PDB file of N, CA and C in Angstrom:
ATOM      1  N   MET A   1       2.973  42.591  34.903  1.00  0.00           N
ATOM      2  CA  MET A   1       2.691  41.309  35.518  1.00  0.00           C
ATOM      3  C   MET A   1       1.369  40.742  35.008  1.00  0.00           C
ATOM      4  N   ARG A   2       0.377  41.601  34.827  1.00  0.00           N
ATOM      5  CA  ARG A   2      -0.909  41.130  34.334  1.00  0.00           C
ATOM      6  C   ARG A   2      -0.800  40.549  32.931  1.00  0.00           C
ATOM      7  N   VAL A   3       0.070  41.195  32.108  1.00  0.00           N
ATOM      8  CA  VAL A   3       0.253  40.676  30.743  1.00  0.00           C
ATOM      9  C   VAL A   3       0.873  39.283  30.805  1.00  0.00           C
ATOM     10  N   PHE A   4       1.834  39.103  31.686  1.00  0.00           N
ATOM     11  CA  PHE A   4       2.473  37.790  31.821  1.00  0.00           C
ATOM     12  C   PHE A   4       1.448  36.744  32.245  1.00  0.00           C
ATOM     13  N   LEU A   5       0.621  37.044  33.207  1.00  0.00           N
ATOM     14  CA  LEU A   5      -0.404  36.093  33.666  1.00  0.00           C
ATOM     15  C   LEU A   5      -1.406  35.788  32.575  1.00  0.00           C
ATOM     16  N   ALA A   6      -1.779  36.791  31.789  1.00  0.00           N
ATOM     17  CA  ALA A   6      -2.709  36.572  30.690  1.00  0.00           C
ATOM     18  C   ALA A   6      -2.098  35.637  29.654  1.00  0.00           C
ATOM     19  N   ILE A   7      -0.835  35.856  29.317  1.00  0.00           N
ATOM     20  CA  ILE A   7      -0.150  35.001  28.340  1.00  0.00           C
ATOM     21  C   ILE A   7      -0.030  33.577  28.900  1.00  0.00           C
ATOM     22  N   LEU A   8       0.312  33.455  30.181  1.00  0.00           N
ATOM     23  CA  LEU A   8       0.408  32.148  30.816  1.00  0.00           C
ATOM     24  C   LEU A   8      -0.933  31.405  30.764  1.00  0.00           C
ATOM     25  N   ALA A   9      -2.014  32.108  31.065  1.00  0.00           N
ATOM     26  CA  ALA A   9      -3.348  31.500  31.036  1.00  0.00           C
ATOM     27  C   ALA A   9      -3.713  31.024  29.642  1.00  0.00           C
ATOM     28  N   LEU A  10      -3.429  31.840  28.643  1.00  0.00           N
ATOM     29  CA  LEU A  10      -3.720  31.454  27.263  1.00  0.00           C
ATOM     30  C   LEU A  10      -2.899  30.228  26.841  1.00  0.00           C
ATOM     31  N   THR A  11      -1.646  30.203  27.279  1.00  0.00           N
ATOM     32  CA  THR A  11      -0.784  29.074  26.944  1.00  0.00           C
ATOM     33  C   THR A  11      -1.323  27.777  27.570  1.00  0.00           C
ATOM     34  N   LEU A  12      -1.755  27.862  28.826  1.00  0.00           N
ATOM     35  CA  LEU A  12      -2.289  26.673  29.479  1.00  0.00           C
ATOM     36  C   LEU A  12      -3.565  26.183  28.809  1.00  0.00           C
ATOM     37  N   PHE A  13      -4.421  27.076  28.368  1.00  0.00           N
ATOM     38  CA  PHE A  13      -5.640  26.676  27.666  1.00  0.00           C
ATOM     39  C   PHE A  13      -5.308  26.061  26.328  1.00  0.00           C
ATOM     40  N   ALA A  14      -4.274  26.572  25.665  1.00  0.00           N
ATOM     41  CA  ALA A  14      -3.865  26.037  24.348  1.00  0.00           C
ATOM     42  C   ALA A  14      -3.283  24.642  24.485  1.00  0.00           C
ATOM     43  N   CYS A  15      -2.753  24.297  25.648  1.00  0.00           N
ATOM     44  CA  CYS A  15      -2.161  22.980  25.900  1.00  0.00           C
ATOM     45  C   CYS A  15      -3.120  22.002  26.512  1.00  0.00           C
ATOM     46  N   ASP A  16      -4.397  22.249  26.373  1.00  0.00           N
ATOM     47  CA  ASP A  16      -5.417  21.366  26.948  1.00  0.00           C
ATOM     48  C   ASP A  16      -5.247  19.949  26.429  1.00  0.00           C
ATOM     49  N   LYS A  17      -5.357  18.938  27.322  1.00  0.00           N
ATOM     50  CA  LYS A  17      -5.164  17.517  26.934  1.00  0.00           C
ATOM     51  C   LYS A  17      -6.204  17.070  25.919  1.00  0.00           C
ATOM     52  N   ASN A  18      -7.349  17.724  25.807  1.00  0.00           N
ATOM     53  CA  ASN A  18      -8.354  17.349  24.827  1.00  0.00           C
ATOM     54  C   ASN A  18      -8.044  17.906  23.462  1.00  0.00           C
ATOM     55  N   ASP A  19      -6.799  17.874  23.098  1.00  0.00           N
ATOM     56  CA  ASP A  19      -6.336  18.345  21.811  1.00  0.00           C
ATOM     57  C   ASP A  19      -7.021  17.533  20.705  1.00  0.00           C
ATOM     58  N   GLU A  20      -7.174  18.127  19.551  1.00  0.00           N
ATOM     59  CA  GLU A  20      -7.846  17.443  18.430  1.00  0.00           C
ATOM     60  C   GLU A  20      -7.118  16.165  18.044  1.00  0.00           C
ATOM     61  N   SER A  21      -5.795  16.113  18.241  1.00  0.00           N
ATOM     62  CA  SER A  21      -5.046  14.923  17.847  1.00  0.00           C
ATOM     63  C   SER A  21      -5.203  13.786  18.853  1.00  0.00           C
ATOM     64  N   ASP A  22      -5.740  14.053  20.043  1.00  0.00           N
ATOM     65  CA  ASP A  22      -5.986  13.015  21.038  1.00  0.00           C
ATOM     66  C   ASP A  22      -7.409  12.524  20.843  1.00  0.00           C
ATOM     67  N   LYS A  23      -7.568  11.595  19.888  1.00  0.00           N
ATOM     68  CA  LYS A  23      -8.921  11.202  19.486  1.00  0.00           C
ATOM     69  C   LYS A  23      -9.049   9.722  19.233  1.00  0.00           C
ATOM     70  N   GLN A  24     -10.295   9.277  19.215  1.00  0.00           N
ATOM     71  CA  GLN A  24     -10.611   7.891  18.895  1.00  0.00           C
ATOM     72  C   GLN A  24     -10.547   7.718  17.366  1.00  0.00           C
ATOM     73  N   VAL A  25     -10.052   6.558  16.949  1.00  0.00           N
ATOM     74  CA  VAL A  25      -9.995   6.259  15.516  1.00  0.00           C
ATOM     75  C   VAL A  25     -10.471   4.852  15.279  1.00  0.00           C
ATOM     76  N   ALA A  26     -11.012   4.631  14.095  1.00  0.00           N
ATOM     77  CA  ALA A  26     -11.356   3.291  13.594  1.00  0.00           C
ATOM     78  C   ALA A  26     -10.832   3.278  12.173  1.00  0.00           C
ATOM     79  N   LEU A  27     -10.026   2.272  11.843  1.00  0.00           N
ATOM     80  CA  LEU A  27      -9.392   2.287  10.536  1.00  0.00           C
ATOM     81  C   LEU A  27      -9.146   0.881  10.041  1.00  0.00           C
ATOM     82  N   SER A  28      -8.949   0.804   8.750  1.00  0.00           N
ATOM     83  CA  SER A  28      -8.462  -0.395   8.081  1.00  0.00           C
ATOM     84  C   SER A  28      -7.084  -0.066   7.547  1.00  0.00           C
ATOM     85  N   GLY A  29      -6.191  -1.030   7.605  1.00  0.00           N
ATOM     86  CA  GLY A  29      -4.841  -0.763   7.112  1.00  0.00           C
ATOM     87  C   GLY A  29      -4.031  -2.028   6.977  1.00  0.00           C
ATOM     88  N   THR A  30      -2.747  -1.820   6.717  1.00  0.00           N
ATOM     89  CA  THR A  30      -1.828  -2.927   6.457  1.00  0.00           C
ATOM     90  C   THR A  30      -0.683  -2.838   7.480  1.00  0.00           C
ATOM     91  N   VAL A  31      -0.383  -3.969   8.111  1.00  0.00           N
ATOM     92  CA  VAL A  31       0.763  -4.036   9.014  1.00  0.00           C
ATOM     93  C   VAL A  31       2.036  -3.999   8.168  1.00  0.00           C
ATOM     94  N   LYS A  32       2.981  -3.176   8.589  1.00  0.00           N
ATOM     95  CA  LYS A  32       4.257  -3.024   7.857  1.00  0.00           C
ATOM     96  C   LYS A  32       5.416  -3.251   8.806  1.00  0.00           C
ATOM     97  N   PHE A  33       6.442  -3.973   8.362  1.00  0.00           N
ATOM     98  CA  PHE A  33       7.665  -4.041   9.115  1.00  0.00           C
ATOM     99  C   PHE A  33       8.529  -2.874   8.656  1.00  0.00           C
ATOM    100  N   ILE A  34       8.914  -2.031   9.604  1.00  0.00           N
ATOM    101  CA  ILE A  34       9.693  -0.847   9.307  1.00  0.00           C
ATOM    102  C   ILE A  34      11.128  -1.108   9.776  1.00  0.00           C
ATOM    103  N   ALA A  35      12.083  -1.077   8.853  1.00  0.00           N
ATOM    104  CA  ALA A  35      13.473  -1.405   9.154  1.00  0.00           C
ATOM    105  C   ALA A  35      14.240  -0.162   9.623  1.00  0.00           C
ATOM    106  N   LEU A  36      13.726   0.512  10.645  1.00  0.00           N
ATOM    107  CA  LEU A  36      14.376   1.663  11.278  1.00  0.00           C
ATOM    108  C   LEU A  36      14.556   1.365  12.749  1.00  0.00           C
ATOM    109  N   GLU A  37      15.567   1.966  13.355  1.00  0.00           N
ATOM    110  CA  GLU A  37      15.750   1.853  14.815  1.00  0.00           C
ATOM    111  C   GLU A  37      15.690   0.410  15.308  1.00  0.00           C
ATOM    112  N   GLY A  38      16.299  -0.503  14.555  1.00  0.00           N
ATOM    113  CA  GLY A  38      16.301  -1.908  14.976  1.00  0.00           C
ATOM    114  C   GLY A  38      15.128  -2.703  14.446  1.00  0.00           C
ATOM    115  N   GLY A  39      14.179  -2.025  13.821  1.00  0.00           N
ATOM    116  CA  GLY A  39      13.016  -2.688  13.231  1.00  0.00           C
ATOM    117  C   GLY A  39      11.833  -2.738  14.188  1.00  0.00           C
ATOM    118  N   PHE A  40      10.667  -2.479  13.652  1.00  0.00           N
ATOM    119  CA  PHE A  40       9.420  -2.527  14.411  1.00  0.00           C
ATOM    120  C   PHE A  40       8.266  -2.651  13.446  1.00  0.00           C
ATOM    121  N   TYR A  41       7.090  -2.959  13.996  1.00  0.00           N
ATOM    122  CA  TYR A  41       5.875  -3.070  13.185  1.00  0.00           C
ATOM    123  C   TYR A  41       4.992  -1.838  13.393  1.00  0.00           C
ATOM    124  N   GLY A  42       4.482  -1.314  12.297  1.00  0.00           N
ATOM    125  CA  GLY A  42       3.530  -0.211  12.318  1.00  0.00           C
ATOM    126  C   GLY A  42       2.335  -0.573  11.468  1.00  0.00           C
ATOM    127  N   ILE A  43       1.369   0.313  11.470  1.00  0.00           N
ATOM    128  CA  ILE A  43       0.167   0.123  10.640  1.00  0.00           C
ATOM    129  C   ILE A  43       0.049   1.322   9.717  1.00  0.00           C
ATOM    130  N   GLU A  44      -0.042   1.042   8.414  1.00  0.00           N
ATOM    131  CA  GLU A  44      -0.307   2.089   7.435  1.00  0.00           C
ATOM    132  C   GLU A  44      -1.783   2.033   7.099  1.00  0.00           C
ATOM    133  N   GLY A  45      -2.513   3.090   7.481  1.00  0.00           N
ATOM    134  CA  GLY A  45      -3.930   3.153   7.188  1.00  0.00           C
ATOM    135  C   GLY A  45      -4.193   3.223   5.702  1.00  0.00           C
ATOM    136  N   ASP A  46      -5.384   2.845   5.292  1.00  0.00           N
ATOM    137  CA  ASP A  46      -5.746   2.928   3.878  1.00  0.00           C
ATOM    138  C   ASP A  46      -5.688   4.356   3.352  1.00  0.00           C
ATOM    139  N   ASP A  47      -5.746   5.309   4.257  1.00  0.00           N
ATOM    140  CA  ASP A  47      -5.650   6.727   3.891  1.00  0.00           C
ATOM    141  C   ASP A  47      -4.206   7.206   3.817  1.00  0.00           C
ATOM    142  N   GLY A  48      -3.239   6.292   4.033  1.00  0.00           N
ATOM    143  CA  GLY A  48      -1.821   6.634   3.936  1.00  0.00           C
ATOM    144  C   GLY A  48      -1.216   7.112   5.248  1.00  0.00           C
ATOM    145  N   VAL A  49      -2.014   7.255   6.307  1.00  0.00           N
ATOM    146  CA  VAL A  49      -1.499   7.721   7.586  1.00  0.00           C
ATOM    147  C   VAL A  49      -0.793   6.566   8.304  1.00  0.00           C
ATOM    148  N   HIS A  50       0.350   6.871   8.909  1.00  0.00           N
ATOM    149  CA  HIS A  50       1.132   5.893   9.654  1.00  0.00           C
ATOM    150  C   HIS A  50       0.774   5.918  11.141  1.00  0.00           C
ATOM    151  N   TYR A  51       0.655   4.726  11.730  1.00  0.00           N
ATOM    152  CA  TYR A  51       0.330   4.582  13.127  1.00  0.00           C
ATOM    153  C   TYR A  51       1.384   3.683  13.778  1.00  0.00           C
ATOM    154  N   ASP A  52       1.887   4.107  14.937  1.00  0.00           N
ATOM    155  CA  ASP A  52       2.874   3.346  15.691  1.00  0.00           C
ATOM    156  C   ASP A  52       2.152   2.751  16.899  1.00  0.00           C
ATOM    157  N   PRO A  53       1.711   1.478  16.810  1.00  0.00           N
ATOM    158  CA  PRO A  53       0.910   0.886  17.863  1.00  0.00           C
ATOM    159  C   PRO A  53       1.709   0.635  19.143  1.00  0.00           C
ATOM    160  N   ILE A  54       1.072   0.958  20.267  1.00  0.00           N
ATOM    161  CA  ILE A  54       1.641   0.718  21.580  1.00  0.00           C
ATOM    162  C   ILE A  54       1.134  -0.648  22.057  1.00  0.00           C
ATOM    163  N   ASP A  55       2.030  -1.500  22.599  1.00  0.00           N
ATOM    164  CA  ASP A  55       1.680  -2.842  23.034  1.00  0.00           C
ATOM    165  C   ASP A  55       0.974  -3.647  21.924  1.00  0.00           C
ATOM    166  N   PHE A  56       1.607  -3.692  20.771  1.00  0.00           N
ATOM    167  CA  PHE A  56       1.073  -4.388  19.610  1.00  0.00           C
ATOM    168  C   PHE A  56       1.122  -5.897  19.851  1.00  0.00           C
ATOM    169  N   ASP A  57      -0.027  -6.552  19.782  1.00  0.00           N
ATOM    170  CA  ASP A  57      -0.132  -7.995  20.013  1.00  0.00           C
ATOM    171  C   ASP A  57       0.729  -8.755  18.994  1.00  0.00           C
ATOM    172  N   GLU A  58       1.529  -9.684  19.485  1.00  0.00           N
ATOM    173  CA  GLU A  58       2.450 -10.467  18.645  1.00  0.00           C
ATOM    174  C   GLU A  58       1.725 -11.181  17.497  1.00  0.00           C
ATOM    175  N   ARG A  59       0.481 -11.578  17.706  1.00  0.00           N
ATOM    176  CA  ARG A  59      -0.269 -12.327  16.679  1.00  0.00           C
ATOM    177  C   ARG A  59      -0.459 -11.497  15.415  1.00  0.00           C
ATOM    178  N   PHE A  60      -0.413 -10.179  15.524  1.00  0.00           N
ATOM    179  CA  PHE A  60      -0.677  -9.310  14.395  1.00  0.00           C
ATOM    180  C   PHE A  60       0.605  -8.716  13.775  1.00  0.00           C
ATOM    181  N   LYS A  61       1.753  -9.096  14.289  1.00  0.00           N
ATOM    182  CA  LYS A  61       3.016  -8.618  13.752  1.00  0.00           C
ATOM    183  C   LYS A  61       3.434  -9.470  12.565  1.00  0.00           C
ATOM    184  N   GLN A  62       2.719  -9.258  11.440  1.00  0.00           N
ATOM    185  CA  GLN A  62       2.955  -9.981  10.205  1.00  0.00           C
ATOM    186  C   GLN A  62       2.964  -8.971   9.073  1.00  0.00           C
ATOM    187  N   ASP A  63       4.122  -8.791   8.469  1.00  0.00           N
ATOM    188  CA  ASP A  63       4.247  -7.802   7.373  1.00  0.00           C
ATOM    189  C   ASP A  63       3.234  -8.118   6.267  1.00  0.00           C
ATOM    190  N   GLY A  64       2.424  -7.143   5.908  1.00  0.00           N
ATOM    191  CA  GLY A  64       1.436  -7.295   4.850  1.00  0.00           C
ATOM    192  C   GLY A  64       0.052  -7.708   5.331  1.00  0.00           C
ATOM    193  N   LEU A  65      -0.097  -8.012   6.623  1.00  0.00           N
ATOM    194  CA  LEU A  65      -1.398  -8.448   7.157  1.00  0.00           C
ATOM    195  C   LEU A  65      -2.385  -7.295   7.135  1.00  0.00           C
ATOM    196  N   ARG A  66      -3.578  -7.543   6.615  1.00  0.00           N
ATOM    197  CA  ARG A  66      -4.639  -6.540   6.611  1.00  0.00           C
ATOM    198  C   ARG A  66      -5.385  -6.597   7.952  1.00  0.00           C
ATOM    199  N   VAL A  67      -5.577  -5.438   8.588  1.00  0.00           N
ATOM    200  CA  VAL A  67      -6.228  -5.383   9.899  1.00  0.00           C
ATOM    201  C   VAL A  67      -7.262  -4.258   9.935  1.00  0.00           C
ATOM    202  N   ARG A  68      -8.180  -4.439  10.874  1.00  0.00           N
ATOM    203  CA  ARG A  68      -9.134  -3.383  11.249  1.00  0.00           C
ATOM    204  C   ARG A  68      -8.849  -3.069  12.702  1.00  0.00           C
ATOM    205  N   VAL A  69      -8.758  -1.780  13.014  1.00  0.00           N
ATOM    206  CA  VAL A  69      -8.298  -1.348  14.317  1.00  0.00           C
ATOM    207  C   VAL A  69      -9.193  -0.255  14.863  1.00  0.00           C
ATOM    208  N   LYS A  70      -9.442  -0.327  16.169  1.00  0.00           N
ATOM    209  CA  LYS A  70     -10.045   0.776  16.911  1.00  0.00           C
ATOM    210  C   LYS A  70      -9.058   1.153  17.994  1.00  0.00           C
ATOM    211  N   GLY A  71      -8.919   2.437  18.274  1.00  0.00           N
ATOM    212  CA  GLY A  71      -8.001   2.853  19.309  1.00  0.00           C
ATOM    213  C   GLY A  71      -8.032   4.356  19.504  1.00  0.00           C
ATOM    214  N   ARG A  72      -7.002   4.818  20.208  1.00  0.00           N
ATOM    215  CA  ARG A  72      -6.913   6.240  20.529  1.00  0.00           C
ATOM    216  C   ARG A  72      -5.504   6.737  20.230  1.00  0.00           C
ATOM    217  N   ILE A  73      -5.431   7.803  19.486  1.00  0.00           N
ATOM    218  CA  ILE A  73      -4.157   8.452  19.225  1.00  0.00           C
ATOM    219  C   ILE A  73      -3.800   9.242  20.479  1.00  0.00           C
ATOM    220  N   ASP A  74      -2.607   9.009  20.981  1.00  0.00           N
ATOM    221  CA  ASP A  74      -2.158   9.703  22.189  1.00  0.00           C
ATOM    222  C   ASP A  74      -0.873  10.494  21.904  1.00  0.00           C
ATOM    223  N   PRO A  75      -0.988  11.785  21.682  1.00  0.00           N
ATOM    224  CA  PRO A  75       0.191  12.600  21.327  1.00  0.00           C
ATOM    225  C   PRO A  75       1.173  12.761  22.489  1.00  0.00           C
ATOM    226  N   SER A  76       0.785  12.373  23.699  1.00  0.00           N
ATOM    227  CA  SER A  76       1.680  12.507  24.836  1.00  0.00           C
ATOM    228  C   SER A  76       2.698  11.364  24.920  1.00  0.00           C
ATOM    229  N   ILE A  77       2.508  10.309  24.112  1.00  0.00           N
ATOM    230  CA  ILE A  77       3.417   9.158  24.112  1.00  0.00           C
ATOM    231  C   ILE A  77       4.438   9.359  22.997  1.00  0.00           C
ATOM    232  N   GLY A  78       5.687   9.405  23.386  1.00  0.00           N
ATOM    233  CA  GLY A  78       6.753   9.501  22.388  1.00  0.00           C
ATOM    234  C   GLY A  78       7.500   8.186  22.281  1.00  0.00           C
ATOM    235  N   THR A  79       7.946   7.862  21.083  1.00  0.00           N
ATOM    236  CA  THR A  79       8.729   6.632  20.885  1.00  0.00           C
ATOM    237  C   THR A  79       9.999   6.989  20.124  1.00  0.00           C
ATOM    238  N   ILE A  80      10.941   6.066  20.101  1.00  0.00           N
ATOM    239  CA  ILE A  80      12.173   6.308  19.335  1.00  0.00           C
ATOM    240  C   ILE A  80      11.951   6.070  17.834  1.00  0.00           C
ATOM    241  N   HIS A  81      10.816   5.522  17.472  1.00  0.00           N
ATOM    242  CA  HIS A  81      10.567   5.170  16.087  1.00  0.00           C
ATOM    243  C   HIS A  81      10.409   6.408  15.182  1.00  0.00           C
ATOM    244  N   MET A  82       9.790   7.443  15.685  1.00  0.00           N
ATOM    245  CA  MET A  82       9.567   8.670  14.907  1.00  0.00           C
ATOM    246  C   MET A  82       8.842   8.342  13.572  1.00  0.00           C
ATOM    247  N   TRP A  83       7.835   7.462  13.681  1.00  0.00           N
ATOM    248  CA  TRP A  83       7.111   7.027  12.474  1.00  0.00           C
ATOM    249  C   TRP A  83       5.630   6.960  12.818  1.00  0.00           C
ATOM    250  N   GLY A  84       4.911   7.949  12.437  1.00  0.00           N
ATOM    251  CA  GLY A  84       3.456   7.928  12.641  1.00  0.00           C
ATOM    252  C   GLY A  84       3.005   8.346  14.009  1.00  0.00           C
ATOM    253  N   TYR A  85       1.694   8.240  14.216  1.00  0.00           N
ATOM    254  CA  TYR A  85       1.043   8.613  15.458  1.00  0.00           C
ATOM    255  C   TYR A  85       1.084   7.447  16.440  1.00  0.00           C
ATOM    256  N   SER A  86       1.348   7.746  17.719  1.00  0.00           N
ATOM    257  CA  SER A  86       1.288   6.721  18.751  1.00  0.00           C
ATOM    258  C   SER A  86      -0.172   6.317  18.929  1.00  0.00           C
ATOM    259  N   LEU A  87      -0.460   5.033  18.786  1.00  0.00           N
ATOM    260  CA  LEU A  87      -1.821   4.522  18.805  1.00  0.00           C
ATOM    261  C   LEU A  87      -1.998   3.484  19.906  1.00  0.00           C
ATOM    262  N   ILE A  88      -2.889   3.765  20.830  1.00  0.00           N
ATOM    263  CA  ILE A  88      -3.250   2.799  21.849  1.00  0.00           C
ATOM    264  C   ILE A  88      -4.417   1.970  21.295  1.00  0.00           C
ATOM    265  N   ILE A  89      -4.178   0.717  21.028  1.00  0.00           N
ATOM    266  CA  ILE A  89      -5.179  -0.149  20.397  1.00  0.00           C
ATOM    267  C   ILE A  89      -6.163  -0.643  21.450  1.00  0.00           C
ATOM    268  N   THR A  90      -7.454  -0.448  21.161  1.00  0.00           N
ATOM    269  CA  THR A  90      -8.484  -0.992  22.039  1.00  0.00           C
ATOM    270  C   THR A  90      -9.134  -2.246  21.432  1.00  0.00           C
ATOM    271  N   HIS A  91      -9.039  -2.372  20.102  1.00  0.00           N
ATOM    272  CA  HIS A  91      -9.565  -3.581  19.430  1.00  0.00           C
ATOM    273  C   HIS A  91      -8.812  -3.719  18.105  1.00  0.00           C
ATOM    274  N   ILE A  92      -8.423  -4.949  17.811  1.00  0.00           N
ATOM    275  CA  ILE A  92      -7.778  -5.226  16.523  1.00  0.00           C
ATOM    276  C   ILE A  92      -8.214  -6.595  16.053  1.00  0.00           C
ATOM    277  N   GLU A  93      -8.412  -6.717  14.769  1.00  0.00           N
ATOM    278  CA  GLU A  93      -8.757  -8.027  14.182  1.00  0.00           C
ATOM    279  C   GLU A  93      -8.230  -8.074  12.760  1.00  0.00           C
ATOM    280  N   GLU A  94      -7.982  -9.296  12.303  1.00  0.00           N
ATOM    281  CA  GLU A  94      -7.574  -9.469  10.921  1.00  0.00           C
ATOM    282  C   GLU A  94      -8.745  -9.118  10.027  1.00  0.00           C
ATOM    283  N   GLU A  95      -8.458  -8.409   8.958  1.00  0.00           N
ATOM    284  CA  GLU A  95      -9.517  -8.001   8.049  1.00  0.00           C
ATOM    285  C   GLU A  95      -9.878  -9.163   7.123  1.00  0.00           C
ATOM    286  N   THR A  96     -11.123  -9.548   7.193  1.00  0.00           N
ATOM    287  CA  THR A  96     -11.664 -10.525   6.239  1.00  0.00           C
ATOM    288  C   THR A  96     -12.861  -9.853   5.589  1.00  0.00           C
ATOM    289  N   TRP A  97     -13.168 -10.240   4.403  1.00  0.00           N
ATOM    290  CA  TRP A  97     -14.224  -9.539   3.664  1.00  0.00           C
ATOM    291  C   TRP A  97     -15.395 -10.456   3.436  1.00  0.00           C
ATOM    292  N   PRO A  98     -16.619 -10.052   3.591  1.00  0.00           N
ATOM    293  CA  PRO A  98     -17.056  -8.791   4.225  1.00  0.00           C
ATOM    294  C   PRO A  98     -17.237  -8.972   5.734  1.00  0.00           C
ATOM    295  N   VAL A  99     -17.004  -7.926   6.472  1.00  0.00           N
ATOM    296  CA  VAL A  99     -17.188  -7.915   7.919  1.00  0.00           C
ATOM    297  C   VAL A  99     -17.850  -6.619   8.317  1.00  0.00           C
ATOM    298  N   ASP A 100     -18.858  -6.707   9.179  1.00  0.00           N
ATOM    299  CA  ASP A 100     -19.488  -5.497   9.703  1.00  0.00           C
ATOM    300  C   ASP A 100     -18.743  -5.102  10.972  1.00  0.00           C
ATOM    301  N   PHE A 101     -17.760  -4.235  10.844  1.00  0.00           N
ATOM    302  CA  PHE A 101     -16.882  -3.856  11.946  1.00  0.00           C
ATOM    303  C   PHE A 101     -17.260  -2.518  12.546  1.00  0.00           C
ATOM    304  N   TYR A 102     -17.681  -1.617  11.708  1.00  0.00           N
ATOM    305  CA  TYR A 102     -17.939  -0.251  12.166  1.00  0.00           C
ATOM    306  C   TYR A 102     -19.356  -0.133  12.536  1.00  0.00           C
TER     307      TYR A 102
END
């Protein structure tokens, strides 16, 4: 029984909500229309990472639009898109050059 409790405790600590993937991000990228699951808009970061924005503002749903984004990756949010990290956007703006954003 003690072994079971020890394994259970380790499992709970390993599932801590402060997982490394649950983090703040600031990025530049390009809005992409993805023709999967009926079609949706995502953001491809300049580093090639895909982000699936939650509650994406309609003004920024333009294929090819360059944007700067701040937000939080939330691994607890699942979508049917299966494309990139779920991203809760806290700030988004069209990228114009030069801008002091960071």
